[in-house]
């Protein structure tokens, strides 16, 4: 597992690294995370990844999970955790986050653009073999609305990643 600190980079370099990692996550293909057979229509619609972008007062944070159990967390101000797949709690939380997203697809819109959330908001991106779906909501509203379980699953993954990154 790689844990970055922000001491070694300028603010602009940290932002560029964050945006590059986020773009790579959006561009991930099913085969990159072990999904090889998408000929069945049910498999073609099944999520294989999810991103949860959170707008923060000082920048943005992104939690990424794939069905393989791989997961990462990174911020636009520097720092993050990459490669949590080596920890069972992270793998389980990542898979749960991805699998949980399936029931929200009919409440999301298909997108080909990946803007960061507006201030005070959270934006989900769910990756399927055929499309990427998105939904943005006020973070305050996510504490008690139909997307609350998905938001909570993202935070469970974040907690697992942060715990796994702690020195032993």
C-alpha atoms as a PDB file:
ATOM      1  CA  UNK A   1       0.000   0.000   0.000  1.00  0.00           C
ATOM      2  CA  UNK A   2       1.256   3.435  -0.904  1.00  0.00           C
ATOM      3  CA  UNK A   3       0.486   6.400   1.294  1.00  0.00           C
ATOM      4  CA  UNK A   4       1.509   9.766  -0.084  1.00  0.00           C
ATOM      5  CA  UNK A   5       2.292  12.818   1.926  1.00  0.00           C
ATOM      6  CA  UNK A   6       2.117  16.300   0.538  1.00  0.00           C
ATOM      7  CA  UNK A   7       5.525  17.535   1.648  1.00  0.00           C
ATOM      8  CA  UNK A   8       7.378  16.860  -1.589  1.00  0.00           C
ATOM      9  CA  UNK A   9       5.189  18.620  -4.170  1.00  0.00           C
ATOM     10  CA  UNK A  10       3.951  22.091  -4.984  1.00  0.00           C
ATOM     11  CA  UNK A  11       0.195  22.730  -4.682  1.00  0.00           C
ATOM     12  CA  UNK A  12      -0.111  22.748  -8.482  1.00  0.00           C
ATOM     13  CA  UNK A  13       1.760  19.438  -8.786  1.00  0.00           C
ATOM     14  CA  UNK A  14      -0.485  17.875  -6.119  1.00  0.00           C
ATOM     15  CA  UNK A  15      -3.607  19.049  -7.959  1.00  0.00           C
ATOM     16  CA  UNK A  16      -2.314  17.702 -11.278  1.00  0.00           C
ATOM     17  CA  UNK A  17      -1.469  14.333  -9.696  1.00  0.00           C
ATOM     18  CA  UNK A  18      -4.958  14.153  -8.171  1.00  0.00           C
ATOM     19  CA  UNK A  19      -6.677  14.956 -11.470  1.00  0.00           C
ATOM     20  CA  UNK A  20      -4.512  12.385 -13.297  1.00  0.00           C
ATOM     21  CA  UNK A  21      -5.378   9.625 -10.787  1.00  0.00           C
ATOM     22  CA  UNK A  22      -9.053  10.525 -10.967  1.00  0.00           C
ATOM     23  CA  UNK A  23      -8.991  10.458 -14.799  1.00  0.00           C
ATOM     24  CA  UNK A  24      -7.271   7.065 -14.778  1.00  0.00           C
ATOM     25  CA  UNK A  25     -10.011   5.709 -12.510  1.00  0.00           C
ATOM     26  CA  UNK A  26     -12.735   6.976 -14.861  1.00  0.00           C
ATOM     27  CA  UNK A  27     -10.918   5.398 -17.824  1.00  0.00           C
ATOM     28  CA  UNK A  28     -10.501   1.974 -16.208  1.00  0.00           C
ATOM     29  CA  UNK A  29     -11.873  -0.840 -18.352  1.00  0.00           C
ATOM     30  CA  UNK A  30     -13.612  -3.937 -16.965  1.00  0.00           C
ATOM     31  CA  UNK A  31     -10.742  -6.228 -18.007  1.00  0.00           C
ATOM     32  CA  UNK A  32      -8.336  -4.108 -15.930  1.00  0.00           C
ATOM     33  CA  UNK A  33     -10.142  -5.241 -12.784  1.00  0.00           C
ATOM     34  CA  UNK A  34     -10.825  -8.857 -13.712  1.00  0.00           C
ATOM     35  CA  UNK A  35     -14.195  -8.523 -15.453  1.00  0.00           C
ATOM     36  CA  UNK A  36     -13.670 -10.458 -18.666  1.00  0.00           C
ATOM     37  CA  UNK A  37     -17.059 -11.824 -19.757  1.00  0.00           C
ATOM     38  CA  UNK A  38     -19.633  -9.129 -20.405  1.00  0.00           C
ATOM     39  CA  UNK A  39     -21.558 -10.961 -23.115  1.00  0.00           C
ATOM     40  CA  UNK A  40     -24.491 -11.634 -20.780  1.00  0.00           C
ATOM     41  CA  UNK A  41     -26.718  -8.503 -20.732  1.00  0.00           C
ATOM     42  CA  UNK A  42     -26.901  -8.709 -16.942  1.00  0.00           C
ATOM     43  CA  UNK A  43     -23.098  -8.585 -16.717  1.00  0.00           C
ATOM     44  CA  UNK A  44     -22.955  -5.708 -19.207  1.00  0.00           C
ATOM     45  CA  UNK A  45     -25.058  -3.600 -16.835  1.00  0.00           C
ATOM     46  CA  UNK A  46     -23.318  -4.668 -13.608  1.00  0.00           C
ATOM     47  CA  UNK A  47     -21.089  -2.045 -11.990  1.00  0.00           C
ATOM     48  CA  UNK A  48     -17.384  -2.849 -11.821  1.00  0.00           C
ATOM     49  CA  UNK A  49     -16.248   0.408 -10.221  1.00  0.00           C
ATOM     50  CA  UNK A  50     -17.361   3.510  -8.385  1.00  0.00           C
ATOM     51  CA  UNK A  51     -15.904   6.906  -7.569  1.00  0.00           C
ATOM     52  CA  UNK A  52     -17.235   9.179  -4.855  1.00  0.00           C
ATOM     53  CA  UNK A  53     -16.015  12.767  -5.203  1.00  0.00           C
ATOM     54  CA  UNK A  54     -16.450  14.944  -2.139  1.00  0.00           C
ATOM     55  CA  UNK A  55     -16.192  18.724  -2.221  1.00  0.00           C
ATOM     56  CA  UNK A  56     -14.263  19.982   0.796  1.00  0.00           C
ATOM     57  CA  UNK A  57     -13.584  23.568   1.921  1.00  0.00           C
ATOM     58  CA  UNK A  58      -9.911  23.232   0.954  1.00  0.00           C
ATOM     59  CA  UNK A  59     -10.321  21.153  -2.228  1.00  0.00           C
ATOM     60  CA  UNK A  60     -11.716  17.775  -3.225  1.00  0.00           C
ATOM     61  CA  UNK A  61     -11.329  14.157  -2.195  1.00  0.00           C
ATOM     62  CA  UNK A  62     -12.061  11.033  -4.214  1.00  0.00           C
ATOM     63  CA  UNK A  63     -12.732   7.500  -3.003  1.00  0.00           C
ATOM     64  CA  UNK A  64     -12.352   4.853  -5.716  1.00  0.00           C
ATOM     65  CA  UNK A  65     -13.381   1.186  -5.545  1.00  0.00           C
ATOM     66  CA  UNK A  66     -13.367  -1.673  -8.016  1.00  0.00           C
ATOM     67  CA  UNK A  67     -15.061  -5.068  -7.952  1.00  0.00           C
ATOM     68  CA  UNK A  68     -11.591  -6.641  -7.696  1.00  0.00           C
ATOM     69  CA  UNK A  69     -11.382  -5.203  -4.170  1.00  0.00           C
ATOM     70  CA  UNK A  70      -8.832  -2.590  -5.136  1.00  0.00           C
ATOM     71  CA  UNK A  71      -9.472   0.830  -3.645  1.00  0.00           C
ATOM     72  CA  UNK A  72      -7.844   4.210  -3.246  1.00  0.00           C
ATOM     73  CA  UNK A  73      -8.397   7.573  -1.645  1.00  0.00           C
ATOM     74  CA  UNK A  74      -6.754  10.779  -2.790  1.00  0.00           C
ATOM     75  CA  UNK A  75      -7.140  14.502  -2.319  1.00  0.00           C
ATOM     76  CA  UNK A  76      -6.551  17.524  -4.508  1.00  0.00           C
ATOM     77  CA  UNK A  77      -4.352  19.068  -1.813  1.00  0.00           C
ATOM     78  CA  UNK A  78      -2.003  16.087  -1.707  1.00  0.00           C
ATOM     79  CA  UNK A  79      -1.912  12.835   0.155  1.00  0.00           C
ATOM     80  CA  UNK A  80      -3.916   9.717  -0.131  1.00  0.00           C
ATOM     81  CA  UNK A  81      -3.868   5.962   0.014  1.00  0.00           C
ATOM     82  CA  UNK A  82      -3.436   3.822  -3.097  1.00  0.00           C
ATOM     83  CA  UNK A  83      -3.576   0.036  -3.351  1.00  0.00           C
ATOM     84  CA  UNK A  84      -5.722  -1.163  -0.486  1.00  0.00           C
ATOM     85  CA  UNK A  85      -6.449  -4.496  -2.193  1.00  0.00           C
ATOM     86  CA  UNK A  86      -3.886  -6.216   0.023  1.00  0.00           C
ATOM     87  CA  UNK A  87      -6.090  -5.789   3.098  1.00  0.00           C
ATOM     88  CA  UNK A  88      -9.154  -7.977   3.595  1.00  0.00           C
ATOM     89  CA  UNK A  89     -11.274  -5.246   5.219  1.00  0.00           C
ATOM     90  CA  UNK A  90     -10.490  -2.896   2.349  1.00  0.00           C
ATOM     91  CA  UNK A  91     -11.285  -5.555  -0.277  1.00  0.00           C
ATOM     92  CA  UNK A  92     -14.597  -6.354   1.382  1.00  0.00           C
ATOM     93  CA  UNK A  93     -15.570  -2.694   1.794  1.00  0.00           C
ATOM     94  CA  UNK A  94     -14.564  -1.910  -1.813  1.00  0.00           C
ATOM     95  CA  UNK A  95     -16.615  -4.786  -3.223  1.00  0.00           C
ATOM     96  CA  UNK A  96     -19.564  -3.835  -1.030  1.00  0.00           C
ATOM     97  CA  UNK A  97     -19.398  -0.232  -2.260  1.00  0.00           C
ATOM     98  CA  UNK A  98     -19.365  -1.341  -5.916  1.00  0.00           C
ATOM     99  CA  UNK A  99     -22.095  -3.963  -5.497  1.00  0.00           C
ATOM    100  CA  UNK A 100     -24.268  -1.528  -3.514  1.00  0.00           C
ATOM    101  CA  UNK A 101     -24.174   0.954  -6.384  1.00  0.00           C
ATOM    102  CA  UNK A 102     -26.143  -1.336  -8.727  1.00  0.00           C
ATOM    103  CA  UNK A 103     -29.504  -0.496  -7.176  1.00  0.00           C
ATOM    104  CA  UNK A 104     -28.970   3.241  -7.786  1.00  0.00           C
ATOM    105  CA  UNK A 105     -28.331   3.123 -11.533  1.00  0.00           C
ATOM    106  CA  UNK A 106     -31.974   3.832 -12.406  1.00  0.00           C
ATOM    107  CA  UNK A 107     -31.758   7.018 -10.297  1.00  0.00           C
ATOM    108  CA  UNK A 108     -28.602   8.223 -12.075  1.00  0.00           C
ATOM    109  CA  UNK A 109     -27.830   9.745 -15.448  1.00  0.00           C
ATOM    110  CA  UNK A 110     -25.444   8.396 -18.082  1.00  0.00           C
ATOM    111  CA  UNK A 111     -22.501  10.742 -18.566  1.00  0.00           C
ATOM    112  CA  UNK A 112     -19.395  11.234 -20.657  1.00  0.00           C
ATOM    113  CA  UNK A 113     -18.151  14.248 -18.667  1.00  0.00           C
ATOM    114  CA  UNK A 114     -16.636  13.981 -15.193  1.00  0.00           C
ATOM    115  CA  UNK A 115     -16.802  17.327 -13.411  1.00  0.00           C
ATOM    116  CA  UNK A 116     -15.915  17.656  -9.771  1.00  0.00           C
ATOM    117  CA  UNK A 117     -18.848  18.301  -7.448  1.00  0.00           C
ATOM    118  CA  UNK A 118     -20.011  21.793  -6.686  1.00  0.00           C
ATOM    119  CA  UNK A 119     -19.106  23.157  -3.210  1.00  0.00           C
ATOM    120  CA  UNK A 120     -20.940  21.316  -0.452  1.00  0.00           C
ATOM    121  CA  UNK A 121     -21.851  18.426  -2.735  1.00  0.00           C
ATOM    122  CA  UNK A 122     -20.872  14.833  -3.383  1.00  0.00           C
ATOM    123  CA  UNK A 123     -20.814  13.268  -6.834  1.00  0.00           C
ATOM    124  CA  UNK A 124     -20.935   9.533  -7.536  1.00  0.00           C
ATOM    125  CA  UNK A 125     -19.684   7.934 -10.752  1.00  0.00           C
ATOM    126  CA  UNK A 126     -20.626   4.286 -11.293  1.00  0.00           C
ATOM    127  CA  UNK A 127     -18.673   2.433 -13.967  1.00  0.00           C
ATOM    128  CA  UNK A 128     -20.379  -0.346 -15.929  1.00  0.00           C
ATOM    129  CA  UNK A 129     -19.046  -2.114 -19.034  1.00  0.00           C
ATOM    130  CA  UNK A 130     -21.347  -0.067 -21.260  1.00  0.00           C
ATOM    131  CA  UNK A 131     -21.712   3.329 -19.540  1.00  0.00           C
ATOM    132  CA  UNK A 132     -20.734   5.584 -16.682  1.00  0.00           C
ATOM    133  CA  UNK A 133     -23.570   6.829 -14.501  1.00  0.00           C
ATOM    134  CA  UNK A 134     -23.515   9.866 -12.226  1.00  0.00           C
ATOM    135  CA  UNK A 135     -25.483  11.535  -9.469  1.00  0.00           C
ATOM    136  CA  UNK A 136     -24.699  14.671  -7.474  1.00  0.00           C
ATOM    137  CA  UNK A 137     -26.302  15.576  -4.152  1.00  0.00           C
ATOM    138  CA  UNK A 138     -25.839  17.992  -1.287  1.00  0.00           C
ATOM    139  CA  UNK A 139     -23.643  16.296   1.288  1.00  0.00           C
ATOM    140  CA  UNK A 140     -26.025  17.325   4.078  1.00  0.00           C
ATOM    141  CA  UNK A 141     -28.919  15.627   2.261  1.00  0.00           C
ATOM    142  CA  UNK A 142     -26.914  12.405   1.940  1.00  0.00           C
ATOM    143  CA  UNK A 143     -27.224  11.897   5.668  1.00  0.00           C
ATOM    144  CA  UNK A 144     -30.885  11.039   5.207  1.00  0.00           C
ATOM    145  CA  UNK A 145     -32.125  10.308   1.693  1.00  0.00           C
ATOM    146  CA  UNK A 146     -32.314   7.428  -0.755  1.00  0.00           C
ATOM    147  CA  UNK A 147     -28.543   7.635  -1.457  1.00  0.00           C
ATOM    148  CA  UNK A 148     -27.593   7.486   2.241  1.00  0.00           C
ATOM    149  CA  UNK A 149     -26.661   3.764   2.149  1.00  0.00           C
ATOM    150  CA  UNK A 150     -24.358   4.316  -0.842  1.00  0.00           C
ATOM    151  CA  UNK A 151     -22.752   7.336   0.832  1.00  0.00           C
ATOM    152  CA  UNK A 152     -22.301   5.294   4.017  1.00  0.00           C
ATOM    153  CA  UNK A 153     -20.689   2.431   2.052  1.00  0.00           C
ATOM    154  CA  UNK A 154     -18.197   4.936   0.629  1.00  0.00           C
ATOM    155  CA  UNK A 155     -17.333   6.149   4.111  1.00  0.00           C
ATOM    156  CA  UNK A 156     -16.957   2.574   5.368  1.00  0.00           C
ATOM    157  CA  UNK A 157     -14.409   2.040   2.617  1.00  0.00           C
ATOM    158  CA  UNK A 158     -12.625   5.278   3.499  1.00  0.00           C
ATOM    159  CA  UNK A 159     -12.385   4.185   7.131  1.00  0.00           C
ATOM    160  CA  UNK A 160     -10.993   0.785   6.085  1.00  0.00           C
ATOM    161  CA  UNK A 161      -8.397   2.439   3.828  1.00  0.00           C
ATOM    162  CA  UNK A 162      -7.275   4.867   6.509  1.00  0.00           C
ATOM    163  CA  UNK A 163      -7.038   2.100   9.112  1.00  0.00           C
ATOM    164  CA  UNK A 164      -5.002  -0.097   6.772  1.00  0.00           C
ATOM    165  CA  UNK A 165      -2.614   2.780   6.049  1.00  0.00           C
ATOM    166  CA  UNK A 166      -1.759   3.296   9.707  1.00  0.00           C
ATOM    167  CA  UNK A 167       1.788   2.263  10.657  1.00  0.00           C
ATOM    168  CA  UNK A 168       1.898  -0.903  12.704  1.00  0.00           C
END
